[in-house]
Amino acid sequence: MNRKPWHGVLVATPLPWKEENDDTPDLDAYAAHVRWLAASGCDGVTPNGSLGEYQNLTDDQRAAVVRTAVQAAPDGFVVMPGIGAYGAKQARRNAEVAGEAGCPAVMLLPPNSYRARPADVIEHYRIVAEAGVPIVAYNNPFDTKVDLVPQLLAQLYSEGLIVAVKEFSGDVRRFYELRELVPELDVLAGSDDVVLELALAGSPGWIAGYPNAFPASCVELFAAARARELDKALPLYEALHPLLRWDSKTEFVQAIKLSMDLVPGAIDGGRCQPPRGPLAEADAATIREATEKALAAGLH
């Protein structure tokens, strides 16, 4: 593999659930989804992230999801699981499981059970780094209440604790500040609705949500934006943006799963685990209309 494992379009995957058992993942359906994403041109998957409802999984279930993804992945297709946990030692165990399964990197949130101080964040990443698997930091200040600001990320990188960051703040200005502070750190697009801006700036990867429903068109968008082919990228971005913006909303899991339900060839997204309830009727109608419009425009 010439590219780094966290480069390209890595899809943060949702998890289908068995109908007959409310808290049992449907691993056969999940494997089929991984194979479909690979066949559609994506570069990898990131299971056990926020979109995968990892908080509802036991340690054994999380490990099974990782192994399923690895077994379903063709050669060269990356599996980079989320390993976030309330405790650093639990996150380290998740990293060890991923390494044993053959994953070349993992994605790690900062401590998210409290508003951690910078020193606590650094210690968290130190403990998990002991597993010996390259770590992509995940900055999601909305959910974790901890903001991995550029100065903190620079310190984590200088200690050799991280190799990249999934940037979900939505603030595209941070890309340029990070490039000044620590030019070697890979800044990955983490919010679907700013992917064009970050790819044009030079982001080498996109940890993405909506390729779960429109993988080929999203891959085409990212490639065109990276190549700065705006005549191709802008029309795709405009056509997809009514859906991409849902990746940054509270209902992102339900929204992406609903679009998957409507796209031919995709597995059914299905329901979410409680406490995530069904979409409000108006939101579901908006997502359904945007998905059908995208399909009618030939996106896939």
C-alpha atoms as a PDB file:
ATOM      1  CA  MET A   1       0.000   0.000   0.000  1.00  0.00           C
ATOM      2  CA  ASN A   2       1.595   3.273  -1.134  1.00  0.00           C
ATOM      3  CA  ARG A   3      -0.746   5.624   0.689  1.00  0.00           C
ATOM      4  CA  LYS A   4      -0.988   5.902   4.439  1.00  0.00           C
ATOM      5  CA  PRO A   5      -3.835   3.824   5.898  1.00  0.00           C
ATOM      6  CA  TRP A   6      -5.801   6.906   6.991  1.00  0.00           C
ATOM      7  CA  HIS A   7      -5.666   8.553   3.558  1.00  0.00           C
ATOM      8  CA  GLY A   8      -8.504   8.474   1.045  1.00  0.00           C
ATOM      9  CA  VAL A   9     -12.194   7.975   1.764  1.00  0.00           C
ATOM     10  CA  LEU A  10     -12.725   5.934   4.927  1.00  0.00           C
ATOM     11  CA  VAL A  11     -16.387   5.394   5.714  1.00  0.00           C
ATOM     12  CA  ALA A  12     -17.562   5.627   9.301  1.00  0.00           C
ATOM     13  CA  THR A  13     -20.030   2.778   9.148  1.00  0.00           C
ATOM     14  CA  PRO A  14     -23.379   2.382  10.898  1.00  0.00           C
ATOM     15  CA  LEU A  15     -24.303  -0.972  12.338  1.00  0.00           C
ATOM     16  CA  PRO A  16     -27.353  -2.985  11.311  1.00  0.00           C
ATOM     17  CA  TRP A  17     -29.203  -4.727  14.137  1.00  0.00           C
ATOM     18  CA  LYS A  18     -30.976  -8.060  14.108  1.00  0.00           C
ATOM     19  CA  GLU A  19     -34.709  -7.659  14.223  1.00  0.00           C
ATOM     20  CA  GLU A  20     -35.249 -10.562  16.583  1.00  0.00           C
ATOM     21  CA  ASN A  21     -32.836  -9.283  19.195  1.00  0.00           C
ATOM     22  CA  ASP A  22     -32.728  -5.590  19.971  1.00  0.00           C
ATOM     23  CA  ASP A  23     -29.085  -5.442  20.986  1.00  0.00           C
ATOM     24  CA  THR A  24     -27.426  -7.974  18.673  1.00  0.00           C
ATOM     25  CA  PRO A  25     -25.528  -6.629  15.633  1.00  0.00           C
ATOM     26  CA  ASP A  26     -26.325  -8.261  12.296  1.00  0.00           C
ATOM     27  CA  LEU A  27     -22.757  -9.128  11.360  1.00  0.00           C
ATOM     28  CA  ASP A  28     -23.673 -10.827   8.081  1.00  0.00           C
ATOM     29  CA  ALA A  29     -25.386  -7.671   6.859  1.00  0.00           C
ATOM     30  CA  TYR A  30     -22.477  -5.587   8.106  1.00  0.00           C
ATOM     31  CA  ALA A  31     -19.985  -7.712   6.173  1.00  0.00           C
ATOM     32  CA  ALA A  32     -22.063  -7.269   3.024  1.00  0.00           C
ATOM     33  CA  HIS A  33     -22.003  -3.507   3.565  1.00  0.00           C
ATOM     34  CA  VAL A  34     -18.209  -3.472   3.911  1.00  0.00           C
ATOM     35  CA  ARG A  35     -17.854  -5.446   0.680  1.00  0.00           C
ATOM     36  CA  TRP A  36     -20.256  -3.064  -1.117  1.00  0.00           C
ATOM     37  CA  LEU A  37     -18.299  -0.003   0.001  1.00  0.00           C
ATOM     38  CA  ALA A  38     -15.063  -1.572  -1.179  1.00  0.00           C
ATOM     39  CA  ALA A  39     -16.584  -2.474  -4.553  1.00  0.00           C
ATOM     40  CA  SER A  40     -17.867   1.108  -4.855  1.00  0.00           C
ATOM     41  CA  GLY A  41     -14.357   2.555  -4.661  1.00  0.00           C
ATOM     42  CA  CYS A  42     -14.011   3.556  -1.016  1.00  0.00           C
ATOM     43  CA  ASP A  43     -10.615   3.125   0.598  1.00  0.00           C
ATOM     44  CA  GLY A  44     -11.646   1.737   3.965  1.00  0.00           C
ATOM     45  CA  VAL A  45     -14.081   1.724   6.863  1.00  0.00           C
ATOM     46  CA  THR A  46     -14.069   3.014  10.399  1.00  0.00           C
ATOM     47  CA  PRO A  47     -16.327   0.759  12.491  1.00  0.00           C
ATOM     48  CA  ASN A  48     -17.242   1.384  16.129  1.00  0.00           C
ATOM     49  CA  GLY A  49     -17.414   5.142  15.793  1.00  0.00           C
ATOM     50  CA  SER A  50     -20.277   7.429  16.725  1.00  0.00           C
ATOM     51  CA  LEU A  51     -22.169   6.392  13.607  1.00  0.00           C
ATOM     52  CA  GLY A  52     -21.715   2.764  14.630  1.00  0.00           C
ATOM     53  CA  GLU A  53     -23.422   3.395  17.994  1.00  0.00           C
ATOM     54  CA  TYR A  54     -20.395   1.989  19.802  1.00  0.00           C
ATOM     55  CA  GLN A  55     -21.748   3.067  23.191  1.00  0.00           C
ATOM     56  CA  ASN A  56     -24.395   0.338  22.906  1.00  0.00           C
ATOM     57  CA  LEU A  57     -21.885  -2.462  22.319  1.00  0.00           C
ATOM     58  CA  THR A  58     -20.180  -4.769  24.770  1.00  0.00           C
ATOM     59  CA  ASP A  59     -16.432  -5.265  24.473  1.00  0.00           C
ATOM     60  CA  ASP A  60     -17.034  -8.646  22.831  1.00  0.00           C
ATOM     61  CA  GLN A  61     -19.459  -7.129  20.326  1.00  0.00           C
ATOM     62  CA  ARG A  62     -17.033  -4.369  19.453  1.00  0.00           C
ATOM     63  CA  ALA A  63     -14.300  -6.935  18.851  1.00  0.00           C
ATOM     64  CA  ALA A  64     -16.656  -9.010  16.697  1.00  0.00           C
ATOM     65  CA  VAL A  65     -17.513  -5.978  14.557  1.00  0.00           C
ATOM     66  CA  VAL A  66     -13.807  -5.287  13.972  1.00  0.00           C
ATOM     67  CA  ARG A  67     -13.068  -8.897  13.057  1.00  0.00           C
ATOM     68  CA  THR A  68     -16.068  -8.977  10.720  1.00  0.00           C
ATOM     69  CA  ALA A  69     -14.855  -5.865   8.907  1.00  0.00           C
ATOM     70  CA  VAL A  70     -11.322  -7.238   8.566  1.00  0.00           C
ATOM     71  CA  GLN A  71     -12.570 -10.565   7.222  1.00  0.00           C
ATOM     72  CA  ALA A  72     -14.868  -8.856   4.715  1.00  0.00           C
ATOM     73  CA  ALA A  73     -12.272  -6.341   3.524  1.00  0.00           C
ATOM     74  CA  PRO A  74     -10.461  -7.121   0.255  1.00  0.00           C
ATOM     75  CA  ASP A  75      -6.708  -6.627  -0.056  1.00  0.00           C
ATOM     76  CA  GLY A  76      -5.704  -3.005   0.415  1.00  0.00           C
ATOM     77  CA  PHE A  77      -9.011  -1.993   1.983  1.00  0.00           C
ATOM     78  CA  VAL A  78      -8.358  -0.393   5.376  1.00  0.00           C
ATOM     79  CA  VAL A  79     -10.192  -1.138   8.621  1.00  0.00           C
ATOM     80  CA  MET A  80      -9.465   1.629  11.126  1.00  0.00           C
ATOM     81  CA  PRO A  81     -11.840   1.160  14.074  1.00  0.00           C
ATOM     82  CA  GLY A  82     -12.894   3.697  16.623  1.00  0.00           C
ATOM     83  CA  ILE A  83     -11.607   2.721  20.057  1.00  0.00           C
ATOM     84  CA  GLY A  84     -13.084   5.514  22.172  1.00  0.00           C
ATOM     85  CA  ALA A  85     -14.055   4.579  25.737  1.00  0.00           C
ATOM     86  CA  TYR A  86     -14.700   6.275  29.046  1.00  0.00           C
ATOM     87  CA  GLY A  87     -11.421   4.952  30.457  1.00  0.00           C
ATOM     88  CA  ALA A  88      -7.976   5.147  28.879  1.00  0.00           C
ATOM     89  CA  LYS A  89      -7.161   1.561  29.820  1.00  0.00           C
ATOM     90  CA  GLN A  90     -10.333   0.295  28.181  1.00  0.00           C
ATOM     91  CA  ALA A  91      -9.476   2.301  25.047  1.00  0.00           C
ATOM     92  CA  ARG A  92      -5.987   0.755  25.111  1.00  0.00           C
ATOM     93  CA  ARG A  93      -7.524  -2.729  25.256  1.00  0.00           C
ATOM     94  CA  ASN A  94      -9.673  -1.812  22.248  1.00  0.00           C
ATOM     95  CA  ALA A  95      -6.514  -0.716  20.432  1.00  0.00           C
ATOM     96  CA  GLU A  96      -4.827  -4.006  21.284  1.00  0.00           C
ATOM     97  CA  VAL A  97      -7.804  -5.950  19.913  1.00  0.00           C
ATOM     98  CA  ALA A  98      -7.648  -3.919  16.713  1.00  0.00           C
ATOM     99  CA  GLY A  99      -3.927  -4.511  16.350  1.00  0.00           C
ATOM    100  CA  GLU A 100      -4.343  -8.241  16.879  1.00  0.00           C
ATOM    101  CA  ALA A 101      -7.030  -8.275  14.181  1.00  0.00           C
ATOM    102  CA  GLY A 102      -4.620  -6.690  11.717  1.00  0.00           C
ATOM    103  CA  CYS A 103      -5.854  -3.090  11.697  1.00  0.00           C
ATOM    104  CA  PRO A 104      -3.083  -0.663  10.652  1.00  0.00           C
ATOM    105  CA  ALA A 105      -4.420   2.270  12.698  1.00  0.00           C
ATOM    106  CA  VAL A 106      -7.184   3.238  15.123  1.00  0.00           C
ATOM    107  CA  MET A 107      -9.249   6.355  15.803  1.00  0.00           C
ATOM    108  CA  LEU A 108      -9.386   7.727  19.341  1.00  0.00           C
ATOM    109  CA  LEU A 109     -11.612  10.322  20.997  1.00  0.00           C
ATOM    110  CA  PRO A 110     -10.275  12.284  23.956  1.00  0.00           C
ATOM    111  CA  PRO A 111     -11.718  11.436  27.386  1.00  0.00           C
ATOM    112  CA  ASN A 112     -15.463  11.931  27.092  1.00  0.00           C
ATOM    113  CA  SER A 113     -16.865  11.157  30.533  1.00  0.00           C
ATOM    114  CA  TYR A 114     -15.963  14.650  31.787  1.00  0.00           C
ATOM    115  CA  ARG A 115     -14.514  17.929  30.508  1.00  0.00           C
ATOM    116  CA  ALA A 116     -10.899  16.793  30.593  1.00  0.00           C
ATOM    117  CA  ARG A 117      -8.021  19.166  31.185  1.00  0.00           C
ATOM    118  CA  PRO A 118      -5.217  19.322  28.575  1.00  0.00           C
ATOM    119  CA  ALA A 119      -2.929  17.328  30.878  1.00  0.00           C
ATOM    120  CA  ASP A 120      -5.605  14.631  31.216  1.00  0.00           C
ATOM    121  CA  VAL A 121      -6.030  14.489  27.445  1.00  0.00           C
ATOM    122  CA  ILE A 122      -2.308  14.019  26.902  1.00  0.00           C
ATOM    123  CA  GLU A 123      -2.132  11.274  29.525  1.00  0.00           C
ATOM    124  CA  HIS A 124      -5.133   9.567  27.906  1.00  0.00           C
ATOM    125  CA  TYR A 125      -3.333   9.394  24.560  1.00  0.00           C
ATOM    126  CA  ARG A 126      -0.087   8.294  26.226  1.00  0.00           C
ATOM    127  CA  ILE A 127      -1.792   5.318  27.827  1.00  0.00           C
ATOM    128  CA  VAL A 128      -3.517   4.222  24.630  1.00  0.00           C
ATOM    129  CA  ALA A 129      -0.357   4.699  22.564  1.00  0.00           C
ATOM    130  CA  GLU A 130       1.246   1.951  24.655  1.00  0.00           C
ATOM    131  CA  ALA A 131      -0.699  -0.522  22.499  1.00  0.00           C
ATOM    132  CA  GLY A 132       1.671   0.306  19.649  1.00  0.00           C
ATOM    133  CA  VAL A 133      -1.008   0.957  17.001  1.00  0.00           C
ATOM    134  CA  PRO A 134      -0.904   4.306  15.118  1.00  0.00           C
ATOM    135  CA  ILE A 135      -3.580   6.645  16.465  1.00  0.00           C
ATOM    136  CA  VAL A 136      -5.749   9.089  14.538  1.00  0.00           C
ATOM    137  CA  ALA A 137      -7.168  11.576  17.033  1.00  0.00           C
ATOM    138  CA  TYR A 138     -10.854  12.418  16.720  1.00  0.00           C
ATOM    139  CA  ASN A 139     -11.792  15.984  17.564  1.00  0.00           C
ATOM    140  CA  ASN A 140     -15.517  16.190  18.264  1.00  0.00           C
ATOM    141  CA  PRO A 141     -15.944  19.028  20.784  1.00  0.00           C
ATOM    142  CA  PHE A 142     -19.736  18.933  20.485  1.00  0.00           C
ATOM    143  CA  ASP A 143     -20.125  15.418  21.888  1.00  0.00           C
ATOM    144  CA  THR A 144     -17.049  15.153  24.105  1.00  0.00           C
ATOM    145  CA  LYS A 145     -16.976  18.740  25.462  1.00  0.00           C
ATOM    146  CA  VAL A 146     -13.211  18.511  24.923  1.00  0.00           C
ATOM    147  CA  ASP A 147     -11.751  20.546  22.084  1.00  0.00           C
ATOM    148  CA  LEU A 148      -8.499  19.296  20.592  1.00  0.00           C
ATOM    149  CA  VAL A 149      -7.326  22.766  19.644  1.00  0.00           C
ATOM    150  CA  PRO A 150      -4.343  23.137  17.303  1.00  0.00           C
ATOM    151  CA  GLN A 151      -1.845  23.755  20.108  1.00  0.00           C
ATOM    152  CA  LEU A 152      -2.935  20.589  21.919  1.00  0.00           C
ATOM    153  CA  LEU A 153      -2.808  18.523  18.740  1.00  0.00           C
ATOM    154  CA  ALA A 154       0.671  19.848  18.051  1.00  0.00           C
ATOM    155  CA  GLN A 155       1.794  18.667  21.475  1.00  0.00           C
ATOM    156  CA  LEU A 156       0.244  15.227  20.975  1.00  0.00           C
ATOM    157  CA  TYR A 157       2.009  14.913  17.631  1.00  0.00           C
ATOM    158  CA  SER A 158       5.343  16.157  18.992  1.00  0.00           C
ATOM    159  CA  GLU A 159       5.262  13.338  21.571  1.00  0.00           C
ATOM    160  CA  GLY A 160       4.612  10.777  18.841  1.00  0.00           C
ATOM    161  CA  LEU A 161       1.158   9.961  20.225  1.00  0.00           C
ATOM    162  CA  ILE A 162      -0.900  10.632  17.074  1.00  0.00           C
ATOM    163  CA  VAL A 163      -0.356  10.472  13.323  1.00  0.00           C
ATOM    164  CA  ALA A 164      -3.433  12.411  12.148  1.00  0.00           C
ATOM    165  CA  VAL A 165      -6.659  14.007  13.332  1.00  0.00           C
ATOM    166  CA  LYS A 166     -10.237  13.660  12.208  1.00  0.00           C
ATOM    167  CA  GLU A 167     -11.345  17.300  12.406  1.00  0.00           C
ATOM    168  CA  PHE A 168     -15.047  17.569  13.212  1.00  0.00           C
ATOM    169  CA  SER A 169     -15.198  21.107  14.590  1.00  0.00           C
ATOM    170  CA  GLY A 170     -16.450  22.380  11.234  1.00  0.00           C
ATOM    171  CA  ASP A 171     -13.973  25.273  11.435  1.00  0.00           C
ATOM    172  CA  VAL A 172     -11.977  25.026   8.216  1.00  0.00           C
ATOM    173  CA  ARG A 173      -9.619  27.742   9.454  1.00  0.00           C
ATOM    174  CA  ARG A 174      -8.038  25.213  11.761  1.00  0.00           C
ATOM    175  CA  PHE A 175      -6.528  23.377   8.814  1.00  0.00           C
ATOM    176  CA  TYR A 176      -4.302  26.325   8.022  1.00  0.00           C
ATOM    177  CA  GLU A 177      -3.340  26.939  11.645  1.00  0.00           C
ATOM    178  CA  LEU A 178      -2.387  23.296  12.042  1.00  0.00           C
ATOM    179  CA  ARG A 179      -0.360  23.354   8.857  1.00  0.00           C
ATOM    180  CA  GLU A 180       1.612  26.275  10.302  1.00  0.00           C
ATOM    181  CA  LEU A 181       2.051  24.707  13.750  1.00  0.00           C
ATOM    182  CA  VAL A 182       2.697  21.095  12.765  1.00  0.00           C
ATOM    183  CA  PRO A 183       2.877  20.648   8.981  1.00  0.00           C
ATOM    184  CA  GLU A 184       3.579  16.903   9.249  1.00  0.00           C
ATOM    185  CA  LEU A 185       0.236  16.173  10.953  1.00  0.00           C
ATOM    186  CA  ASP A 186      -2.418  14.859   8.561  1.00  0.00           C
ATOM    187  CA  VAL A 187      -5.678  16.774   9.027  1.00  0.00           C
ATOM    188  CA  LEU A 188      -8.575  14.642   7.809  1.00  0.00           C
ATOM    189  CA  ALA A 189     -11.984  15.967   6.859  1.00  0.00           C
ATOM    190  CA  GLY A 190     -14.352  14.813   9.571  1.00  0.00           C
ATOM    191  CA  SER A 191     -17.545  16.717   8.714  1.00  0.00           C
ATOM    192  CA  ASP A 192     -19.194  15.801   5.437  1.00  0.00           C
ATOM    193  CA  ASP A 193     -20.468  19.327   4.863  1.00  0.00           C
ATOM    194  CA  VAL A 194     -16.988  20.908   4.744  1.00  0.00           C
ATOM    195  CA  VAL A 195     -15.202  18.187   2.776  1.00  0.00           C
ATOM    196  CA  LEU A 196     -14.810  20.304  -0.357  1.00  0.00           C
ATOM    197  CA  GLU A 197     -13.159  23.127   1.559  1.00  0.00           C
ATOM    198  CA  LEU A 198     -10.734  20.817   3.381  1.00  0.00           C
ATOM    199  CA  ALA A 199      -9.904  18.738   0.316  1.00  0.00           C
ATOM    200  CA  LEU A 200      -9.106  21.896  -1.652  1.00  0.00           C
ATOM    201  CA  ALA A 201      -6.870  22.995   1.220  1.00  0.00           C
ATOM    202  CA  GLY A 202      -4.964  19.732   0.923  1.00  0.00           C
ATOM    203  CA  SER A 203      -6.578  17.290   3.331  1.00  0.00           C
ATOM    204  CA  PRO A 204      -5.426  13.786   2.357  1.00  0.00           C
ATOM    205  CA  GLY A 205      -8.381  11.910   3.812  1.00  0.00           C
ATOM    206  CA  TRP A 206     -12.078  12.020   4.585  1.00  0.00           C
ATOM    207  CA  ILE A 207     -13.611   9.987   7.406  1.00  0.00           C
ATOM    208  CA  ALA A 208     -17.084  10.166   6.023  1.00  0.00           C
ATOM    209  CA  GLY A 209     -20.713   9.438   6.793  1.00  0.00           C
ATOM    210  CA  TYR A 210     -22.777   9.783   3.627  1.00  0.00           C
ATOM    211  CA  PRO A 211     -20.733   7.418   1.460  1.00  0.00           C
ATOM    212  CA  ASN A 212     -22.732   4.763   3.312  1.00  0.00           C
ATOM    213  CA  ALA A 213     -25.548   5.673   0.926  1.00  0.00           C
ATOM    214  CA  PHE A 214     -23.759   7.285  -2.049  1.00  0.00           C
ATOM    215  CA  PRO A 215     -20.252   5.799  -2.044  1.00  0.00           C
ATOM    216  CA  ALA A 216     -19.258   6.159  -5.687  1.00  0.00           C
ATOM    217  CA  SER A 217     -20.378   9.781  -5.983  1.00  0.00           C
ATOM    218  CA  CYS A 218     -18.685  10.717  -2.715  1.00  0.00           C
ATOM    219  CA  VAL A 219     -15.429   9.100  -3.854  1.00  0.00           C
ATOM    220  CA  GLU A 220     -15.705  11.012  -7.126  1.00  0.00           C
ATOM    221  CA  LEU A 221     -16.312  14.248  -5.211  1.00  0.00           C
ATOM    222  CA  PHE A 222     -13.274  13.792  -2.976  1.00  0.00           C
ATOM    223  CA  ALA A 223     -10.981  12.872  -5.860  1.00  0.00           C
ATOM    224  CA  ALA A 224     -12.094  15.884  -7.899  1.00  0.00           C
ATOM    225  CA  ALA A 225     -11.712  18.238  -4.947  1.00  0.00           C
ATOM    226  CA  ARG A 226      -8.251  16.881  -4.133  1.00  0.00           C
ATOM    227  CA  ALA A 227      -7.281  17.428  -7.786  1.00  0.00           C
ATOM    228  CA  ARG A 228      -8.847  20.916  -7.616  1.00  0.00           C
ATOM    229  CA  GLU A 229     -11.078  20.079 -10.557  1.00  0.00           C
ATOM    230  CA  LEU A 230     -13.839  22.460  -9.558  1.00  0.00           C
ATOM    231  CA  ASP A 231     -15.827  21.897 -12.741  1.00  0.00           C
ATOM    232  CA  LYS A 232     -16.395  18.341 -11.472  1.00  0.00           C
ATOM    233  CA  ALA A 233     -16.311  18.862  -7.721  1.00  0.00           C
ATOM    234  CA  LEU A 234     -18.681  21.807  -7.331  1.00  0.00           C
ATOM    235  CA  PRO A 235     -21.716  20.289  -9.097  1.00  0.00           C
ATOM    236  CA  LEU A 236     -21.303  17.080  -7.090  1.00  0.00           C
ATOM    237  CA  TYR A 237     -20.928  19.006  -3.841  1.00  0.00           C
ATOM    238  CA  GLU A 238     -23.999  21.108  -4.528  1.00  0.00           C
ATOM    239  CA  ALA A 239     -26.033  18.038  -5.422  1.00  0.00           C
ATOM    240  CA  LEU A 240     -24.928  16.113  -2.330  1.00  0.00           C
ATOM    241  CA  HIS A 241     -24.900  18.952   0.192  1.00  0.00           C
ATOM    242  CA  PRO A 242     -28.580  18.701   1.200  1.00  0.00           C
ATOM    243  CA  LEU A 243     -27.611  15.268   2.539  1.00  0.00           C
ATOM    244  CA  LEU A 244     -24.027  15.925   3.608  1.00  0.00           C
ATOM    245  CA  ARG A 245     -25.130  18.588   6.088  1.00  0.00           C
ATOM    246  CA  TRP A 246     -27.032  15.961   8.075  1.00  0.00           C
ATOM    247  CA  ASP A 247     -23.690  14.455   9.090  1.00  0.00           C
ATOM    248  CA  SER A 248     -23.252  17.416  11.452  1.00  0.00           C
ATOM    249  CA  LYS A 249     -26.710  17.200  13.012  1.00  0.00           C
ATOM    250  CA  THR A 250     -27.763  15.339  16.146  1.00  0.00           C
ATOM    251  CA  GLU A 251     -29.875  12.979  14.019  1.00  0.00           C
ATOM    252  CA  PHE A 252     -26.997  11.988  11.732  1.00  0.00           C
ATOM    253  CA  VAL A 253     -27.259   8.257  12.470  1.00  0.00           C
ATOM    254  CA  GLN A 254     -30.969   8.113  11.723  1.00  0.00           C
ATOM    255  CA  ALA A 255     -30.548  10.314   8.630  1.00  0.00           C
ATOM    256  CA  ILE A 256     -27.821   8.199   7.036  1.00  0.00           C
ATOM    257  CA  LYS A 257     -29.636   4.972   7.835  1.00  0.00           C
ATOM    258  CA  LEU A 258     -32.819   6.319   6.216  1.00  0.00           C
ATOM    259  CA  SER A 259     -30.929   7.207   3.034  1.00  0.00           C
ATOM    260  CA  MET A 260     -29.425   3.723   3.000  1.00  0.00           C
ATOM    261  CA  ASP A 261     -32.937   2.280   3.173  1.00  0.00           C
ATOM    262  CA  LEU A 262     -33.804   4.156  -0.034  1.00  0.00           C
ATOM    263  CA  VAL A 263     -30.685   3.486  -2.124  1.00  0.00           C
ATOM    264  CA  PRO A 264     -30.735   0.423  -4.408  1.00  0.00           C
ATOM    265  CA  GLY A 265     -27.815  -1.871  -3.662  1.00  0.00           C
ATOM    266  CA  ALA A 266     -27.210  -0.598  -0.153  1.00  0.00           C
ATOM    267  CA  ILE A 267     -28.115  -2.715   2.844  1.00  0.00           C
ATOM    268  CA  ASP A 268     -31.058  -1.518   4.894  1.00  0.00           C
ATOM    269  CA  GLY A 269     -29.872   0.938   7.507  1.00  0.00           C
ATOM    270  CA  GLY A 270     -32.772   0.049   9.745  1.00  0.00           C
ATOM    271  CA  ARG A 271     -33.418   1.358  13.218  1.00  0.00           C
ATOM    272  CA  CYS A 272     -31.098   2.727  15.864  1.00  0.00           C
ATOM    273  CA  GLN A 273     -30.610   1.617  19.411  1.00  0.00           C
ATOM    274  CA  PRO A 274     -32.361   3.581  22.145  1.00  0.00           C
ATOM    275  CA  PRO A 275     -32.167   6.287  23.274  1.00  0.00           C
ATOM    276  CA  ARG A 276     -31.925   7.289  19.591  1.00  0.00           C
ATOM    277  CA  GLY A 277     -35.530   7.320  18.486  1.00  0.00           C
ATOM    278  CA  PRO A 278     -37.116   7.601  15.040  1.00  0.00           C
ATOM    279  CA  LEU A 279     -36.746  10.804  13.075  1.00  0.00           C
ATOM    280  CA  ALA A 280     -39.380  13.496  13.365  1.00  0.00           C
ATOM    281  CA  GLU A 281     -41.809  13.198  10.485  1.00  0.00           C
ATOM    282  CA  ALA A 282     -40.702  16.512   8.936  1.00  0.00           C
ATOM    283  CA  ASP A 283     -37.005  15.556   9.115  1.00  0.00           C
ATOM    284  CA  ALA A 284     -37.669  12.145   7.587  1.00  0.00           C
ATOM    285  CA  ALA A 285     -39.574  13.781   4.742  1.00  0.00           C
ATOM    286  CA  THR A 286     -36.702  16.204   4.101  1.00  0.00           C
ATOM    287  CA  ILE A 287     -34.118  13.418   4.006  1.00  0.00           C
ATOM    288  CA  ARG A 288     -36.301  11.203   1.863  1.00  0.00           C
ATOM    289  CA  GLU A 289     -36.858  14.003  -0.662  1.00  0.00           C
ATOM    290  CA  ALA A 290     -33.143  14.864  -0.800  1.00  0.00           C
ATOM    291  CA  THR A 291     -32.179  11.203  -1.238  1.00  0.00           C
ATOM    292  CA  GLU A 292     -34.696  10.645  -4.023  1.00  0.00           C
ATOM    293  CA  LYS A 293     -33.555  13.820  -5.750  1.00  0.00           C
ATOM    294  CA  ALA A 294     -29.937  12.657  -5.602  1.00  0.00           C
ATOM    295  CA  LEU A 295     -30.894   9.277  -7.030  1.00  0.00           C
ATOM    296  CA  ALA A 296     -32.882  10.919  -9.818  1.00  0.00           C
ATOM    297  CA  ALA A 297     -29.795  13.002 -10.664  1.00  0.00           C
ATOM    298  CA  GLY A 298     -27.814   9.798 -11.172  1.00  0.00           C
ATOM    299  CA  LEU A 299     -25.793   9.912  -7.966  1.00  0.00           C
ATOM    300  CA  HIS A 300     -24.850   6.531  -6.562  1.00  0.00           C
END
